[in-house]
Protein backbone atom coordinates (compact mmCIF):
# COMPACT_ATOMS: atom_id res chain seq x y z
CA MET A 1 -2.66 -34.34 31.08
CA GLN A 2 0.92 -33.13 30.65
CA THR A 3 1.38 -31.91 34.24
CA GLY A 4 4.90 -33.29 34.44
CA HIS A 5 6.08 -30.96 31.68
CA VAL A 6 5.15 -27.70 33.46
CA THR A 7 7.78 -26.20 35.76
CA THR A 8 7.81 -22.93 37.65
CA PRO A 9 10.79 -20.56 37.86
CA PHE A 10 13.02 -20.30 40.92
CA GLY A 11 13.05 -17.35 43.31
CA ARG A 12 11.17 -14.13 42.71
CA ARG A 13 10.59 -14.70 39.03
CA PRO A 14 6.80 -14.89 38.55
CA MET A 15 4.88 -17.61 36.76
CA THR A 16 2.42 -16.48 34.11
CA LEU A 17 -0.37 -18.21 32.22
CA ALA A 18 1.53 -17.48 29.00
CA LEU A 19 4.44 -19.58 30.27
CA VAL A 20 2.05 -22.39 31.23
CA LYS A 21 0.48 -22.27 27.79
CA GLY A 22 3.86 -22.35 26.06
CA GLN A 23 5.06 -25.34 28.08
CA LEU A 24 1.86 -27.26 27.39
CA GLU A 25 2.09 -26.56 23.67
CA VAL A 26 5.66 -27.82 23.56
CA ALA A 27 4.69 -30.93 25.51
CA GLU A 28 1.87 -31.66 23.07
CA SER A 29 4.00 -31.14 19.95
CA LYS A 30 4.81 -33.99 17.58
CA PRO A 31 7.56 -36.30 18.90
CA ASN A 32 10.71 -37.37 17.10
CA ILE A 33 11.29 -34.12 15.24
CA CYS A 34 14.87 -33.51 14.22
CA VAL A 35 16.05 -30.12 12.91
CA GLU A 36 19.42 -28.53 12.17
CA LYS A 37 20.05 -26.09 15.01
CA TRP A 38 21.81 -23.41 12.98
CA LYS A 39 19.02 -23.38 10.39
CA VAL A 40 16.51 -22.73 13.17
CA PHE A 41 18.79 -20.02 14.53
CA ARG A 42 18.91 -18.31 11.13
CA ASP A 43 15.09 -18.39 11.00
CA VAL A 44 14.94 -16.76 14.43
CA CYS A 45 17.40 -14.08 13.31
CA GLU A 46 15.25 -13.38 10.23
CA ALA A 47 12.03 -13.12 12.25
CA ARG A 48 13.48 -11.43 15.34
CA GLU A 49 11.37 -8.27 14.86
CA ARG A 50 8.20 -10.34 15.14
CA PHE A 51 9.34 -11.43 18.61
CA GLY A 52 10.67 -8.03 19.64
CA LEU A 53 14.18 -9.38 20.19
CA GLN A 54 17.36 -7.30 20.19
CA ASP A 55 20.68 -8.28 18.63
CA ARG A 56 22.09 -9.19 22.03
CA ALA A 57 19.26 -11.68 22.60
CA LEU A 58 20.33 -13.43 19.40
CA ALA A 59 23.91 -13.48 20.66
CA VAL A 60 22.74 -15.16 23.86
CA LEU A 61 20.69 -17.73 21.92
CA ASP A 62 23.72 -18.43 19.74
CA ALA A 63 25.79 -19.01 22.87
CA LEU A 64 23.17 -21.39 24.30
CA LEU A 65 23.18 -23.44 21.10
CA THR A 66 26.96 -23.81 21.25
CA PHE A 67 26.59 -25.62 24.57
CA TYR A 68 24.54 -28.34 22.91
CA PRO A 69 27.14 -30.72 21.44
CA GLU A 70 25.12 -32.12 18.53
CA THR A 71 24.48 -30.32 15.23
CA GLU A 72 20.84 -31.41 15.11
CA LEU A 73 18.18 -30.87 17.75
CA ASP A 74 16.21 -34.07 18.32
CA SER A 75 12.95 -33.76 20.24
CA GLY A 76 13.39 -37.37 21.36
CA GLN A 77 16.50 -36.43 23.34
CA ALA A 78 17.05 -34.18 26.34
CA LEU A 79 17.74 -30.69 25.03
CA VAL A 80 18.59 -28.93 28.29
CA VAL A 81 21.84 -26.96 28.43
CA PHE A 82 23.19 -25.78 31.78
CA PRO A 83 26.04 -23.26 31.39
CA SER A 84 26.84 -20.76 34.11
CA ASN A 85 26.31 -17.05 33.60
CA GLY A 86 30.07 -16.61 33.35
CA GLN A 87 30.38 -19.16 30.56
CA LEU A 88 27.40 -17.68 28.73
CA SER A 89 28.84 -14.17 29.01
CA VAL A 90 32.13 -15.27 27.46
CA ARG A 91 30.47 -17.00 24.49
CA ALA A 92 28.02 -14.11 24.07
CA HIS A 93 30.92 -11.72 23.40
CA GLY A 94 31.37 -10.57 26.99
CA ILE A 95 28.01 -8.95 27.74
CA THR A 96 27.38 -7.91 31.33
CA GLY A 97 25.47 -10.04 33.81
CA THR A 98 22.52 -7.63 33.95
CA THR A 99 22.18 -7.59 30.17
CA LEU A 100 22.55 -11.37 30.05
CA ARG A 101 19.70 -11.93 32.51
CA ARG A 102 17.47 -9.45 30.68
CA GLN A 103 18.05 -11.11 27.30
CA LEU A 104 17.49 -14.60 28.73
CA ALA A 105 14.15 -13.39 30.09
CA ALA A 106 13.31 -11.98 26.63
CA LEU A 107 14.02 -15.36 25.00
CA VAL A 108 11.80 -17.10 27.55
CA ASP A 109 8.98 -14.59 27.07
CA ALA A 110 9.24 -15.06 23.30
CA GLY A 111 8.70 -18.81 23.78
CA LEU A 112 12.02 -19.80 22.19
CA ILE A 113 13.52 -21.42 25.29
CA GLN A 114 12.15 -22.64 28.63
CA ARG A 115 13.59 -22.60 32.12
CA ARG A 116 14.17 -25.87 33.94
CA ASP A 117 15.17 -24.51 37.34
CA SER A 118 16.66 -26.66 40.05
CA PRO A 119 15.51 -26.50 43.70
CA ASN A 120 18.23 -23.93 44.50
CA GLY A 121 18.19 -22.16 41.14
CA LYS A 122 21.61 -23.44 40.07
CA ARG A 123 22.26 -25.01 36.70
CA TYR A 124 23.69 -28.51 36.76
CA ALA A 125 23.03 -32.09 35.70
CA HIS A 126 22.82 -35.51 37.36
CA ARG A 127 24.73 -38.28 35.60
CA ASN A 128 24.61 -42.04 35.98
CA ARG A 129 27.61 -44.31 36.38
CA GLU A 130 28.15 -44.43 32.63
CA GLY A 131 28.39 -40.62 32.53
CA GLU A 132 25.11 -40.13 30.75
CA ILE A 133 22.88 -37.24 31.83
CA GLU A 134 19.77 -38.37 33.66
CA THR A 135 18.39 -35.01 34.84
CA ALA A 136 19.51 -31.52 33.88
CA TYR A 137 18.54 -28.08 35.16
CA GLY A 138 19.08 -25.06 32.95
CA PHE A 139 17.53 -23.93 29.67
CA ASP A 140 15.44 -26.26 27.52
CA LEU A 141 15.86 -25.83 23.73
CA THR A 142 12.84 -28.01 22.89
CA PRO A 143 10.65 -25.00 21.88
CA LEU A 144 13.00 -24.37 18.96
CA VAL A 145 12.28 -27.87 17.67
CA ALA A 146 8.55 -27.72 18.35
CA ARG A 147 8.21 -24.34 16.59
CA SER A 148 10.68 -24.98 13.78
CA ALA A 149 7.99 -25.02 11.07
CA GLU A 150 6.42 -21.84 12.46
CA LEU A 151 9.80 -20.11 12.63
CA ALA A 152 10.58 -21.08 9.02
CA ALA A 153 7.23 -19.68 7.86
CA LEU A 154 7.79 -16.45 9.79
CA ALA A 155 11.25 -16.08 8.28
CA GLN A 156 9.86 -16.49 4.76
CA ASP A 157 7.09 -13.99 5.47
CA VAL A 158 9.57 -11.43 6.81
CA ALA A 159 11.81 -11.89 3.78
CA ALA A 160 8.83 -11.44 1.43
CA GLU A 161 7.72 -8.34 3.35
CA ARG A 162 11.21 -6.91 3.09
CA MET A 163 11.19 -7.54 -0.66
CA ARG A 164 7.79 -5.84 -1.05
CA PHE A 165 9.07 -2.87 0.95
CA ARG A 166 12.19 -2.61 -1.22
CA ARG A 167 10.17 -2.81 -4.44
CA ALA A 168 7.72 -0.16 -3.20
CA LYS A 169 10.59 2.18 -2.31
CA GLU A 170 12.15 1.69 -5.73
CA ALA A 171 8.84 2.40 -7.47
CA LEU A 172 8.30 5.53 -5.37
CA THR A 173 11.80 6.78 -6.12
CA ILE A 174 11.26 6.39 -9.86
CA CYS A 175 7.79 7.97 -9.71
CA ARG A 176 9.09 10.94 -7.70
CA ARG A 177 11.88 11.43 -10.19
CA ASP A 178 9.47 11.32 -13.12
CA VAL A 179 7.07 13.85 -11.61
CA ARG A 180 9.86 16.17 -10.47
CA LYS A 181 11.55 16.27 -13.88
CA LEU A 182 8.30 16.54 -15.82
CA ILE A 183 7.22 19.56 -13.75
CA THR A 184 10.66 21.15 -14.17
CA ALA A 185 10.57 20.58 -17.94
CA ALA A 186 7.05 22.05 -18.18
CA ILE A 187 8.06 25.18 -16.25
CA GLU A 188 11.38 25.71 -18.05
CA GLU A 189 9.87 25.26 -21.51
CA GLY A 190 6.86 27.48 -20.78
CA ALA A 191 4.07 24.90 -21.03
CA SER A 192 0.68 26.46 -20.36
CA GLY A 193 -1.04 25.64 -17.10
CA ASP A 194 -0.77 26.33 -13.38
CA TRP A 195 2.38 24.31 -12.72
CA ASP A 196 2.91 26.05 -9.37
CA ALA A 197 -0.29 24.35 -8.17
CA VAL A 198 1.02 21.02 -9.43
CA GLU A 199 4.24 21.71 -7.55
CA ARG A 200 2.25 22.32 -4.35
CA ILE A 201 0.38 19.04 -4.83
CA TYR A 202 3.71 17.27 -5.29
CA ARG A 203 5.07 18.68 -2.03
CA GLY A 204 1.81 17.99 -0.22
CA ILE A 205 2.05 14.30 -1.14
CA LEU A 206 5.57 13.98 0.27
CA GLU A 207 5.14 16.04 3.46
CA PRO A 208 3.16 13.42 5.47
CA LEU A 209 5.79 10.76 4.74
CA PRO A 210 7.60 10.05 8.05
CA ARG A 211 11.37 9.95 8.38
CA TYR A 212 11.37 6.17 8.73
CA PRO A 213 8.26 5.01 6.85
CA ASN A 214 6.90 1.49 6.75
CA ARG A 215 5.57 -0.29 3.67
CA LEU A 216 2.02 1.02 4.15
CA HIS A 217 3.26 4.61 4.21
CA ILE A 218 5.34 4.02 1.08
CA GLU A 219 2.49 2.36 -0.84
CA ALA A 220 -0.04 5.06 0.09
CA THR A 221 2.37 7.78 -1.04
CA LEU A 222 3.15 5.82 -4.21
CA GLU A 223 -0.53 5.64 -5.16
CA GLU A 224 -0.93 9.40 -4.79
CA MET A 225 2.30 10.06 -6.71
CA GLU A 226 1.21 7.75 -9.54
CA LEU A 227 -2.05 9.70 -9.81
CA LEU A 228 -0.11 12.95 -10.02
CA ARG A 229 2.27 11.53 -12.63
CA GLU A 230 -0.68 10.41 -14.74
CA GLU A 231 -2.25 13.85 -14.43
CA VAL A 232 0.97 15.62 -15.43
CA LEU A 233 1.44 13.33 -18.43
CA ASN A 234 -2.20 13.88 -19.39
CA ARG A 235 -1.75 17.65 -19.41
CA LEU A 236 1.46 17.51 -21.42
CA GLU A 237 -0.03 15.03 -23.88
CA MET A 238 -3.07 17.25 -24.46
CA GLN A 239 -0.82 20.26 -25.13
CA LEU A 240 1.40 18.35 -27.53
CA LYS A 241 -1.61 17.06 -29.48
CA THR A 242 -3.09 20.57 -29.60
CA GLN A 243 0.19 21.96 -30.93
CA ASN A 244 0.34 19.23 -33.57
CA LYS A 245 -3.22 19.99 -34.69
CA ASP A 246 -2.51 23.71 -34.87
CA GLY A 247 0.64 23.08 -36.88
CA ASN A 248 -1.17 20.77 -39.28
CA GLY A 249 -3.99 23.29 -39.67
CA ILE A 250 -1.58 26.07 -40.55
CA GLN A 251 0.30 23.83 -42.95
CA ASN A 252 -2.88 22.67 -44.67
CA GLY A 253 -4.27 26.20 -44.78
CA CYS A 254 -1.39 27.31 -46.99
CA HIS A 255 -2.59 24.96 -49.74
CA ILE A 256 -6.25 26.07 -49.77
CA GLN A 257 -7.18 27.55 -53.13
CA ASN A 258 -10.59 29.14 -53.58
CA SER A 259 -11.51 30.04 -57.12
CA LYS A 260 -14.66 31.81 -55.95
CA PRO A 261 -13.96 34.95 -53.94
CA GLU A 262 -17.45 34.81 -52.42
CA SER A 263 -17.92 31.31 -51.10
CA ILE A 264 -21.16 29.90 -49.83
CA ASN A 265 -19.88 29.76 -46.22
CA GLU A 266 -18.95 33.42 -46.22
CA LEU A 267 -22.45 34.44 -47.39
CA GLU A 268 -24.28 32.35 -44.77
CA PRO A 269 -25.62 34.12 -41.66
CA CYS A 270 -23.87 33.44 -38.35
CA SER A 271 -26.81 32.70 -36.07
CA GLU A 272 -29.05 29.65 -36.22
CA LYS A 273 -32.20 31.79 -36.28
CA GLU A 274 -30.98 33.69 -39.31
CA GLN A 275 -30.30 30.37 -41.02
CA GLY A 276 -33.84 29.28 -40.31
CA ALA A 277 -32.70 26.25 -38.31
CA THR A 278 -35.48 23.91 -37.24
CA SER A 279 -35.70 21.54 -34.31
CA GLN A 280 -34.84 18.67 -36.61
CA ASP A 281 -31.51 20.30 -37.48
CA GLU A 282 -30.42 20.87 -33.84
CA PRO A 283 -28.89 17.41 -33.21
CA GLY A 284 -26.81 17.71 -36.37
CA ASN A 285 -25.76 21.23 -35.52
CA LYS A 286 -24.87 20.14 -31.99
CA SER A 287 -22.65 17.35 -33.23
CA LEU A 288 -21.15 19.73 -35.78
CA ARG A 289 -20.31 22.24 -33.08
CA GLN A 290 -18.73 19.50 -30.96
CA ALA A 291 -16.66 18.36 -33.93
CA ASN A 292 -15.57 21.94 -34.65
CA ARG A 293 -14.46 22.42 -31.05
CA ALA A 294 -12.19 19.33 -31.29
CA VAL A 295 -11.54 19.36 -27.53
CA GLU A 296 -9.14 16.62 -26.50
CA PRO A 297 -11.03 14.10 -24.32
CA ILE A 298 -10.05 13.64 -20.69
CA LYS A 299 -7.77 10.68 -20.20
CA SER A 300 -9.22 7.87 -18.11
CA PHE A 301 -7.49 6.70 -14.94
CA ALA A 302 -7.01 3.17 -13.69
CA LEU A 303 -10.18 1.73 -12.18
CA GLY A 304 -8.35 0.64 -9.03
CA MET A 305 -7.11 4.16 -8.36
CA VAL A 306 -10.61 5.55 -8.90
CA LEU A 307 -12.13 3.09 -6.41
CA ARG A 308 -9.46 3.87 -3.81
CA ALA A 309 -10.13 7.59 -4.16
CA CYS A 310 -13.95 7.13 -4.28
CA PRO A 311 -14.79 4.02 -2.23
CA GLN A 312 -18.47 4.94 -1.66
CA ILE A 313 -19.40 4.29 -5.29
CA SER A 314 -18.75 0.55 -4.75
CA ASP A 315 -21.85 0.31 -2.54
CA TYR A 316 -24.04 1.13 -5.56
CA GLY A 317 -22.50 -1.40 -7.91
CA PRO A 318 -24.22 -4.66 -8.89
CA GLY A 319 -23.98 -6.94 -5.88
CA GLY A 320 -22.46 -4.20 -3.73
CA GLY A 321 -19.13 -4.13 -5.57
CA ILE A 322 -17.39 -2.91 -8.73
CA SER A 323 -14.90 -4.99 -10.68
CA HIS A 324 -14.84 -3.35 -14.12
CA TRP A 325 -15.78 -0.11 -15.88
CA ARG A 326 -19.22 -1.26 -17.00
CA GLU A 327 -20.25 -1.78 -13.37
CA LEU A 328 -18.88 1.65 -12.47
CA MET A 329 -20.98 3.31 -15.16
CA THR A 330 -24.05 1.37 -13.97
CA ALA A 331 -23.42 2.53 -10.40
CA ALA A 332 -22.99 6.12 -11.62
CA VAL A 333 -26.49 6.07 -13.13
CA VAL A 334 -27.90 4.96 -9.76
CA VAL A 335 -25.96 7.69 -7.94
CA ARG A 336 -27.10 10.26 -10.50
CA SER A 337 -30.73 9.50 -9.73
CA MET A 338 -30.10 9.46 -5.98
CA LEU A 339 -28.36 12.85 -5.97
CA GLY A 340 -31.05 14.43 -8.15
CA VAL A 341 -28.92 15.02 -11.24
CA SER A 342 -31.09 15.38 -14.33
CA PRO A 343 -30.64 12.87 -17.18
CA SER A 344 -29.84 15.72 -19.57
CA ALA A 345 -27.00 16.98 -17.38
CA TYR A 346 -25.49 13.53 -17.12
CA GLU A 347 -25.94 12.89 -20.84
CA GLN A 348 -24.16 16.14 -21.62
CA ALA A 349 -21.30 15.12 -19.30
CA CYS A 350 -21.02 11.80 -21.12
CA ASP A 351 -20.90 13.58 -24.47
CA VAL A 352 -18.14 15.97 -23.39
CA MET A 353 -16.05 13.84 -21.03
CA GLY A 354 -16.85 10.36 -22.22
CA PRO A 355 -18.96 7.75 -20.35
CA GLU A 356 -16.08 6.49 -18.19
CA ASN A 357 -14.95 9.93 -17.06
CA ALA A 358 -18.53 11.07 -16.45
CA ALA A 359 -18.96 8.05 -14.16
CA VAL A 360 -15.73 8.99 -12.35
CA ALA A 361 -17.01 12.54 -11.96
CA MET A 362 -20.23 11.22 -10.39
CA ALA A 363 -18.15 9.07 -8.02
CA CYS A 364 -16.16 12.17 -6.97
CA ILE A 365 -19.37 14.17 -6.47
CA LEU A 366 -20.73 11.35 -4.30
CA GLU A 367 -17.63 11.48 -2.09
CA ARG A 368 -18.11 15.23 -1.58
CA SER A 369 -21.92 15.24 -1.56
CA ASN A 370 -21.96 16.64 2.00
CA PHE A 371 -20.18 19.79 0.75
CA ILE A 372 -22.10 20.24 -2.54
CA ASN A 373 -25.47 22.01 -2.49
CA SER A 374 -26.56 21.06 -6.01
CA ALA A 375 -24.99 17.98 -7.53
CA GLY A 376 -26.63 18.69 -10.91
CA GLY A 377 -25.33 22.25 -11.05
CA TYR A 378 -21.88 21.11 -9.97
CA LEU A 379 -21.80 18.48 -12.75
CA ARG A 380 -22.92 21.03 -15.35
CA ASP A 381 -20.15 23.38 -14.24
CA LEU A 382 -17.55 20.60 -14.55
CA THR A 383 -18.92 19.76 -18.00
CA LYS A 384 -18.60 23.36 -19.19
CA ARG A 385 -15.04 23.58 -17.89
CA ALA A 386 -14.17 20.26 -19.55
CA GLU A 387 -15.72 21.52 -22.77
CA ARG A 388 -13.34 24.50 -22.67
CA GLY A 389 -10.40 22.22 -21.84
CA GLU A 390 -10.06 23.73 -18.34
CA PHE A 391 -10.95 20.67 -16.25
CA SER A 392 -9.14 17.43 -15.48
CA LEU A 393 -10.09 14.63 -13.09
CA GLY A 394 -6.55 14.18 -11.81
CA PRO A 395 -6.43 16.88 -9.07
CA MET A 396 -9.89 15.88 -7.82
CA LEU A 397 -8.90 12.20 -7.53
CA ILE A 398 -5.58 13.08 -5.91
CA ALA A 399 -7.28 15.28 -3.30
CA LEU A 400 -9.84 12.58 -2.45
CA HIS A 401 -7.20 9.86 -2.30
CA LYS A 402 -5.03 12.01 -0.04
CA ALA A 403 -7.96 12.74 2.27
CA HIS A 404 -8.71 9.01 2.65
CA SER A 405 -5.02 8.21 3.21
CA ASP A 406 -4.69 10.88 5.91
CA SER A 407 -7.83 9.66 7.71
CA SER A 408 -6.66 6.03 7.60
CA ARG A 409 -3.26 7.00 9.00
CA LYS A 410 -4.89 8.89 11.89
CA THR A 411 -7.25 6.03 12.73
CA GLY A 412 -4.45 3.46 12.27
């Protein structure tokens, strides 16, 4: 037992089990560790937020280290310094006595130093005839040596966290700029679509962001903003492709020469019944009608964004998880059967939207199944709107992602 290494504070200062635990851990640490004291101090400065320390506490710790004459802290030597409050105040840039005592207590509570109080609470040392210190009462710096590896790891973690935070802020700034300028360009140049609604979504994403956000706030907002940017780009891309097709059609139409004034197509009846269409011709006619419509397919989103917006679909994947698109489409078939969506409705959605987007639509319907009376009817309605080019998955995914982010912030 290391009973000789546990000391209690002088006077009215209480003893706590946390202090006992800290002293025992220091006593049981590896012996003969030697570290450079200013390197340890820099690690403490880097990780000070993890200990809840203020700048003045660091100034006091810096002053304590100056009273130890050696550059390196050796656990095999006595590491007790015993300056008076007046000396400490001078080296800590003249802080008041009340502030000094409060910051010393904060360093002790953080487990960075330990008190070695004398019987009367004064700080002093006993020396032998050769002038060497035999016993000293003051502040023990041994915890800095014992926790040097931990402090270095904390400092590296804090630096990495700061880098991640900086990178997330940079990415959000660029994404915000992209979305803002794309919306402005679409409005100023008269692009078709409800850009006022997109503007409202943009503002709604930024409103919950606090004045001083942390990394989690930044990353959650970044994910929503990236979804919105992808949706805006998808809309603009569809319009540009439609304009190119219309321009090519007009240009090609100028070169059409028909030597027969009454062509076969002009003499054919318009309806399928008048043409005498049979059931065997319906699949061909259906594919022909789909080709004639030439509706631009909905652009697929990143799988990770889909799973963050629709986390429930993962429970129906093979093995209770989804790692790629094939597993998402398999899970969508299971959800389709569970929600009572007919195979024909889902097949039609796959034909119009594409298999990946139909699976995403089923994942969105699953998330909102409590608010949807008929999942099959809802999917058919989405399919018809997509067939007319009036539906996109972006707003639906953004709304679901925002709802999950808001709920996680409230619970967190």
